[in-house]
Amino acid sequence: MFAVPEHSLGRNMADLFRNGVQWALGGLFGSFITQVKRILILSTAMIVASVLLSAFWLAVEKVDYSPSNTGHESAVAIKHKSHGVIRILRDFLQYAIILLSSYEPLTLGNLLRHRDRVSGVNYMLHACFSTAIDGFNQEPLSVQQNSKMVVQCDGQTVQFLSGSGDCEISVYLLRNDIRFDVRERTAEMYLARLSTRREPLSVHDLLRVKSELQSWGVLSEELRGCLEFAVQEYATEPLCVQDNADMVVDCGGQVVKFASGHQDNRINIYDAQDGTIHYRIRISGLWASAVRFFRGNKDHTQTRGMKRLQLE
């Protein structure tokens, strides 16, 4: 047995104590500063709202209500003034509500700062923030700048917000597994995420993506035909190909990518100017090539576009 030097043990305990105190003080002062900020913003919002309302009433009182001037022009002037003030008040109050909420700014730097605060103090929360940072980095810029994120781990909840929060990101612990889930609230966010990632490749996932695009109202007839043809041809491939392929569907100006396994086999589905839809595959490995040969699979097939395939 090797004895641990007392000065080394004391130094480790001192470092741990210092990190704990820093984390506690950081959380205490951070909460205090947040509360002060909310009070200041609320006071400012009330003052500005009062000033705008006062200006509105003064403007209305100055309108000439004489018989010669109470016609259509006065009514239109009052209507425009009232609508303008109400619109300004509405926008300002919405902004104040966001600032007064419990959400912190959703930026990569802010996520890193939160992870650093719990380093050496809360292992599980540190791991959750690491997962949040990795997942957030993989999202397109349009999603990063317009999302709401909730990190909920080890009994603690931290919320972040950027833009209008059109994507809802959840980071949580489920059966000792840290999850990073994203739910899009608009078609624009769904398409932004779809264009920068590969979906899982299977017959089920091909039909799922087709259904999701249709539910968002962004499924063109060209892409619909290509996805249906992709399902028809992919379903005939041997499992050694299905479980190890990269598929790109490029039709009607929309591109959707899928992947399974090591992505050794390459599949391309595209539409031509004459309206035909093409399915081309490039096989990697002798075994997969031999299996496809004896099954009668072709490397290139095509069909007429706009033909609905009854697959569901």
Protein backbone atom coordinates (compact mmCIF):
# COMPACT_ATOMS: atom_id res chain seq x y z
CA MET A 1 0.00 0.00 0.00
CA PHE A 2 1.23 3.47 -0.89
CA ALA A 3 0.47 6.23 1.54
CA VAL A 4 -1.03 9.40 0.11
CA PRO A 5 0.96 12.45 1.22
CA GLU A 6 -1.01 14.58 3.64
CA HIS A 7 -0.19 17.81 1.79
CA SER A 8 -1.52 16.31 -1.48
CA LEU A 9 -4.75 15.17 0.19
CA GLY A 10 -5.15 18.56 1.82
CA ARG A 11 -4.63 20.33 -1.50
CA ASN A 12 -7.31 18.19 -3.22
CA MET A 13 -9.78 18.88 -0.43
CA ALA A 14 -8.99 22.58 -0.59
CA ASP A 15 -9.57 22.64 -4.37
CA LEU A 16 -12.87 20.82 -3.98
CA PHE A 17 -13.96 23.22 -1.22
CA ARG A 18 -12.99 26.24 -3.31
CA ASN A 19 -14.92 24.97 -6.34
CA GLY A 20 -17.97 24.33 -4.18
CA VAL A 21 -17.85 27.80 -2.66
CA GLN A 22 -17.39 29.41 -6.10
CA TRP A 23 -20.36 27.49 -7.49
CA ALA A 24 -22.56 28.41 -4.50
CA LEU A 25 -21.58 32.08 -4.60
CA GLY A 26 -21.99 32.18 -8.37
CA GLY A 27 -25.48 30.80 -8.11
CA LEU A 28 -26.38 33.15 -5.22
CA PHE A 29 -25.08 36.31 -6.87
CA GLY A 30 -26.41 35.22 -10.26
CA SER A 31 -29.90 34.84 -8.80
CA PHE A 32 -29.62 38.18 -6.98
CA ILE A 33 -28.48 40.02 -10.10
CA THR A 34 -31.27 38.41 -12.11
CA GLN A 35 -33.89 39.59 -9.61
CA VAL A 36 -32.49 43.14 -9.61
CA LYS A 37 -32.54 43.15 -13.40
CA ARG A 38 -36.17 42.06 -13.45
CA ILE A 39 -37.19 44.81 -11.03
CA LEU A 40 -35.37 47.49 -13.05
CA ILE A 41 -36.85 46.31 -16.33
CA LEU A 42 -40.34 46.13 -14.85
CA SER A 43 -40.04 49.67 -13.48
CA THR A 44 -38.78 50.96 -16.83
CA ALA A 45 -41.57 49.19 -18.68
CA MET A 46 -44.22 50.75 -16.41
CA ILE A 47 -42.73 54.24 -16.82
CA VAL A 48 -42.52 53.98 -20.61
CA ALA A 49 -46.04 52.56 -20.84
CA SER A 50 -47.36 55.42 -18.73
CA VAL A 51 -45.60 58.01 -20.90
CA LEU A 52 -46.95 56.45 -24.10
CA LEU A 53 -50.49 56.31 -22.75
CA SER A 54 -50.30 59.93 -21.59
CA ALA A 55 -49.03 61.02 -25.01
CA PHE A 56 -51.84 59.12 -26.66
CA TRP A 57 -54.57 60.76 -24.59
CA LEU A 58 -53.07 64.22 -25.08
CA ALA A 59 -53.03 63.66 -28.84
CA VAL A 60 -56.67 62.58 -28.81
CA GLU A 61 -57.74 65.58 -26.72
CA LYS A 62 -56.10 67.98 -29.18
CA VAL A 63 -58.20 66.72 -32.09
CA ASP A 64 -60.64 69.35 -33.31
CA TYR A 65 -64.18 68.09 -32.73
CA SER A 66 -65.94 71.12 -34.21
CA PRO A 67 -68.93 70.44 -36.48
CA SER A 68 -66.88 71.39 -39.52
CA ASN A 69 -64.14 68.97 -38.67
CA THR A 70 -65.84 65.90 -37.27
CA GLY A 71 -66.06 64.12 -40.54
CA HIS A 72 -64.21 61.22 -42.03
CA GLU A 73 -60.73 62.81 -41.87
CA SER A 74 -60.82 63.25 -38.04
CA ALA A 75 -62.00 59.71 -37.54
CA VAL A 76 -59.22 58.36 -39.72
CA ALA A 77 -56.60 60.48 -37.90
CA ILE A 78 -57.71 59.26 -34.48
CA LYS A 79 -57.83 55.67 -35.69
CA HIS A 80 -54.29 55.79 -37.08
CA LYS A 81 -52.91 57.39 -33.92
CA SER A 82 -54.58 54.89 -31.62
CA HIS A 83 -53.44 51.91 -33.69
CA GLY A 84 -49.86 53.18 -33.79
CA VAL A 85 -49.66 53.67 -30.02
CA ILE A 86 -51.30 50.33 -29.30
CA ARG A 87 -48.89 48.55 -31.63
CA ILE A 88 -45.87 50.17 -29.93
CA LEU A 89 -47.22 49.27 -26.49
CA ARG A 90 -47.86 45.67 -27.55
CA ASP A 91 -44.36 45.17 -29.00
CA PHE A 92 -42.72 46.78 -25.98
CA LEU A 93 -44.67 44.71 -23.47
CA GLN A 94 -43.87 41.49 -25.36
CA TYR A 95 -40.18 42.34 -25.21
CA ALA A 96 -40.43 43.16 -21.51
CA ILE A 97 -42.17 39.83 -20.82
CA ILE A 98 -39.31 37.96 -22.46
CA LEU A 99 -36.73 39.85 -20.41
CA LEU A 100 -38.67 39.39 -17.18
CA SER A 101 -39.08 35.66 -17.72
CA SER A 102 -36.80 33.08 -16.16
CA TYR A 103 -35.09 32.36 -19.49
CA GLU A 104 -31.42 33.13 -19.95
CA PRO A 105 -29.94 34.02 -23.35
CA LEU A 106 -29.39 30.89 -25.43
CA THR A 107 -25.86 31.16 -26.78
CA LEU A 108 -22.93 28.77 -26.96
CA GLY A 109 -20.91 30.99 -24.63
CA ASN A 110 -23.66 31.00 -22.01
CA LEU A 111 -23.96 27.20 -22.13
CA LEU A 112 -20.19 26.89 -21.70
CA ARG A 113 -20.24 29.24 -18.71
CA HIS A 114 -22.96 27.19 -17.02
CA ARG A 115 -20.99 23.99 -17.59
CA ASP A 116 -17.83 25.54 -16.16
CA ARG A 117 -19.68 26.64 -13.01
CA VAL A 118 -20.61 23.06 -12.10
CA SER A 119 -17.29 21.51 -13.12
CA GLY A 120 -16.01 19.40 -10.22
CA VAL A 121 -19.16 20.11 -8.20
CA ASN A 122 -22.06 18.39 -9.98
CA TYR A 123 -20.96 15.64 -12.36
CA MET A 124 -24.42 14.83 -13.72
CA LEU A 125 -25.36 18.44 -14.45
CA HIS A 126 -21.94 18.94 -16.06
CA ALA A 127 -22.60 15.94 -18.33
CA CYS A 128 -26.05 17.31 -19.25
CA PHE A 129 -24.57 20.66 -20.26
CA SER A 130 -21.91 18.85 -22.32
CA THR A 131 -24.69 17.03 -24.18
CA ALA A 132 -26.57 20.31 -24.63
CA ILE A 133 -23.47 22.00 -26.05
CA ASP A 134 -22.70 19.13 -28.46
CA GLY A 135 -26.28 18.99 -29.72
CA PHE A 136 -26.64 22.77 -29.97
CA ASN A 137 -23.44 22.96 -32.04
CA GLN A 138 -24.88 20.54 -34.61
CA GLU A 139 -28.05 22.58 -35.15
CA PRO A 140 -28.21 25.05 -38.08
CA LEU A 141 -27.71 28.74 -37.31
CA SER A 142 -31.39 29.53 -37.90
CA VAL A 143 -32.30 27.05 -35.15
CA GLN A 144 -29.62 28.29 -32.75
CA GLN A 145 -30.95 31.83 -33.07
CA ASN A 146 -34.60 30.90 -32.60
CA SER A 147 -34.97 28.24 -29.91
CA LYS A 148 -36.05 27.58 -26.36
CA MET A 149 -33.88 25.14 -24.39
CA VAL A 150 -34.65 23.50 -21.04
CA VAL A 151 -31.85 21.61 -19.27
CA GLN A 152 -33.40 19.46 -16.55
CA CYS A 153 -30.97 17.17 -14.75
CA ASP A 154 -30.25 16.07 -11.19
CA GLY A 155 -33.23 17.97 -9.78
CA GLN A 156 -32.22 21.30 -11.34
CA THR A 157 -33.81 23.17 -14.24
CA VAL A 158 -32.16 25.90 -16.31
CA GLN A 159 -33.99 27.57 -19.19
CA PHE A 160 -32.57 29.45 -22.17
CA LEU A 161 -34.20 31.44 -24.97
CA SER A 162 -33.15 32.89 -28.32
CA GLY A 163 -35.42 34.70 -30.78
CA SER A 164 -39.06 33.65 -30.62
CA GLY A 165 -38.30 30.10 -29.49
CA ASP A 166 -39.72 28.39 -32.58
CA CYS A 167 -37.74 25.23 -31.71
CA GLU A 168 -38.13 23.55 -28.34
CA ILE A 169 -34.97 21.76 -27.15
CA SER A 170 -35.10 19.50 -24.10
CA VAL A 171 -32.05 18.04 -22.36
CA TYR A 172 -32.98 15.58 -19.63
CA LEU A 173 -32.02 12.36 -17.90
CA LEU A 174 -34.00 9.19 -18.65
CA ARG A 175 -32.92 5.85 -17.18
CA ASN A 176 -29.32 7.05 -16.72
CA ASP A 177 -29.25 8.20 -20.35
CA ILE A 178 -28.98 11.89 -21.24
CA ARG A 179 -31.43 12.82 -23.99
CA PHE A 180 -31.32 15.76 -26.42
CA ASP A 181 -34.72 16.20 -28.05
CA VAL A 182 -35.83 18.89 -30.49
CA ARG A 183 -39.40 19.72 -31.47
CA GLU A 184 -40.02 22.16 -34.30
CA ARG A 185 -42.96 24.55 -34.05
CA THR A 186 -42.87 25.93 -37.60
CA ALA A 187 -42.37 24.48 -41.08
CA GLU A 188 -39.34 26.75 -41.58
CA MET A 189 -37.58 25.26 -38.55
CA TYR A 190 -38.42 21.72 -39.66
CA LEU A 191 -36.98 22.31 -43.15
CA ALA A 192 -33.90 24.04 -41.71
CA ARG A 193 -33.09 21.02 -39.55
CA LEU A 194 -33.97 18.52 -42.27
CA SER A 195 -31.57 20.16 -44.74
CA THR A 196 -28.54 19.86 -42.44
CA ARG A 197 -28.84 16.34 -41.05
CA ARG A 198 -29.32 12.74 -42.16
CA GLU A 199 -32.44 10.93 -41.10
CA PRO A 200 -32.25 7.23 -40.16
CA LEU A 201 -32.68 5.03 -43.24
CA SER A 202 -35.43 2.42 -43.25
CA VAL A 203 -38.77 1.91 -44.97
CA HIS A 204 -40.48 3.22 -41.84
CA ASP A 205 -38.32 6.36 -41.76
CA LEU A 206 -38.86 7.09 -45.45
CA LEU A 207 -42.62 6.98 -44.92
CA ARG A 208 -42.29 8.97 -41.68
CA VAL A 209 -40.42 11.85 -43.34
CA LYS A 210 -42.93 11.87 -46.20
CA SER A 211 -45.77 12.08 -43.68
CA GLU A 212 -44.08 14.85 -41.69
CA LEU A 213 -43.43 16.94 -44.80
CA GLN A 214 -47.05 16.48 -45.80
CA SER A 215 -48.33 17.49 -42.34
CA TRP A 216 -46.26 20.69 -42.49
CA GLY A 217 -47.67 21.45 -45.94
CA VAL A 218 -44.24 21.53 -47.63
CA LEU A 219 -44.31 18.25 -49.59
CA SER A 220 -44.13 18.99 -53.32
CA GLU A 221 -45.59 16.56 -55.84
CA GLU A 222 -42.11 15.90 -57.23
CA LEU A 223 -40.65 14.99 -53.84
CA ARG A 224 -43.70 12.91 -52.99
CA GLY A 225 -43.20 10.80 -56.13
CA CYS A 226 -39.50 10.38 -55.44
CA LEU A 227 -40.00 9.29 -51.83
CA GLU A 228 -42.67 6.79 -52.88
CA PHE A 229 -40.38 5.38 -55.58
CA ALA A 230 -37.50 5.26 -53.07
CA VAL A 231 -39.64 3.17 -50.71
CA GLN A 232 -40.65 0.82 -53.52
CA GLU A 233 -37.07 0.17 -54.68
CA TYR A 234 -35.34 0.25 -51.30
CA ALA A 235 -37.75 -2.36 -49.91
CA THR A 236 -36.48 -4.85 -52.53
CA GLU A 237 -32.84 -4.46 -51.47
CA PRO A 238 -31.24 -7.24 -49.36
CA LEU A 239 -30.77 -6.48 -45.68
CA CYS A 240 -26.98 -6.26 -46.05
CA VAL A 241 -27.60 -3.23 -48.29
CA GLN A 242 -30.50 -1.70 -46.34
CA ASP A 243 -28.51 -1.72 -43.10
CA ASN A 244 -25.42 -0.08 -44.60
CA ALA A 245 -26.39 2.68 -47.01
CA ASP A 246 -26.39 6.39 -47.66
CA MET A 247 -29.42 7.73 -49.56
CA VAL A 248 -29.92 11.17 -51.11
CA VAL A 249 -33.34 12.09 -52.48
CA ASP A 250 -33.04 15.18 -54.70
CA CYS A 251 -36.33 16.10 -56.38
CA GLY A 252 -38.25 19.26 -57.12
CA GLY A 253 -35.54 21.46 -55.65
CA GLN A 254 -35.73 19.71 -52.26
CA VAL A 255 -33.02 17.43 -50.86
CA VAL A 256 -33.54 14.87 -48.09
CA LYS A 257 -30.73 12.63 -46.80
CA PHE A 258 -30.88 9.27 -45.02
CA ALA A 259 -28.23 7.00 -43.57
CA SER A 260 -27.86 3.54 -42.01
CA GLY A 261 -24.84 1.65 -40.66
CA HIS A 262 -21.46 2.72 -42.07
CA GLN A 263 -23.09 4.17 -45.21
CA ASP A 264 -20.91 2.06 -47.56
CA ASN A 265 -23.60 1.67 -50.27
CA ARG A 266 -24.63 4.85 -52.09
CA ILE A 267 -28.21 5.39 -53.29
CA ASN A 268 -29.39 8.40 -55.30
CA ILE A 269 -32.98 9.19 -56.22
CA TYR A 270 -33.53 12.16 -58.51
CA ASP A 271 -35.93 13.50 -61.13
CA ALA A 272 -34.99 14.38 -64.70
CA GLN A 273 -36.28 17.13 -66.96
CA ASP A 274 -38.42 14.66 -68.91
CA GLY A 275 -40.39 13.87 -65.76
CA THR A 276 -38.80 10.48 -65.01
CA ILE A 277 -37.62 9.49 -61.54
CA HIS A 278 -34.33 7.59 -61.30
CA TYR A 279 -33.01 5.19 -58.66
CA ARG A 280 -29.25 4.53 -58.86
CA ILE A 281 -27.17 2.49 -56.44
CA ARG A 282 -23.44 1.92 -56.10
CA ILE A 283 -22.60 -1.21 -54.11
CA SER A 284 -19.55 -1.65 -51.90
CA GLY A 285 -18.31 -5.18 -51.25
CA LEU A 286 -18.42 -8.49 -53.12
CA TRP A 287 -20.94 -10.11 -50.79
CA ALA A 288 -23.57 -7.40 -51.26
CA SER A 289 -22.98 -7.39 -55.03
CA ALA A 290 -23.38 -11.19 -55.21
CA VAL A 291 -26.58 -11.19 -53.15
CA ARG A 292 -28.12 -8.47 -55.33
CA PHE A 293 -27.09 -10.33 -58.52
CA PHE A 294 -28.81 -13.57 -57.49
CA ARG A 295 -31.90 -11.66 -56.29
CA GLY A 296 -32.17 -9.85 -59.62
CA ASN A 297 -31.74 -6.30 -58.26
CA LYS A 298 -30.72 -3.67 -60.79
CA ASP A 299 -28.25 -0.83 -60.29
CA HIS A 300 -30.49 1.63 -62.12
CA THR A 301 -34.26 1.75 -62.39
CA GLN A 302 -36.65 4.51 -63.37
CA THR A 303 -40.34 5.34 -63.48
CA ARG A 304 -42.56 8.10 -64.74
CA GLY A 305 -42.96 11.05 -62.43
CA MET A 306 -46.22 12.21 -60.85
CA LYS A 307 -47.38 8.59 -60.59
CA ARG A 308 -48.86 7.90 -57.20
CA LEU A 309 -47.62 4.66 -55.74
CA GLN A 310 -50.09 3.09 -53.36
CA LEU A 311 -47.82 2.22 -50.46
CA GLU A 312 -49.79 3.13 -47.39
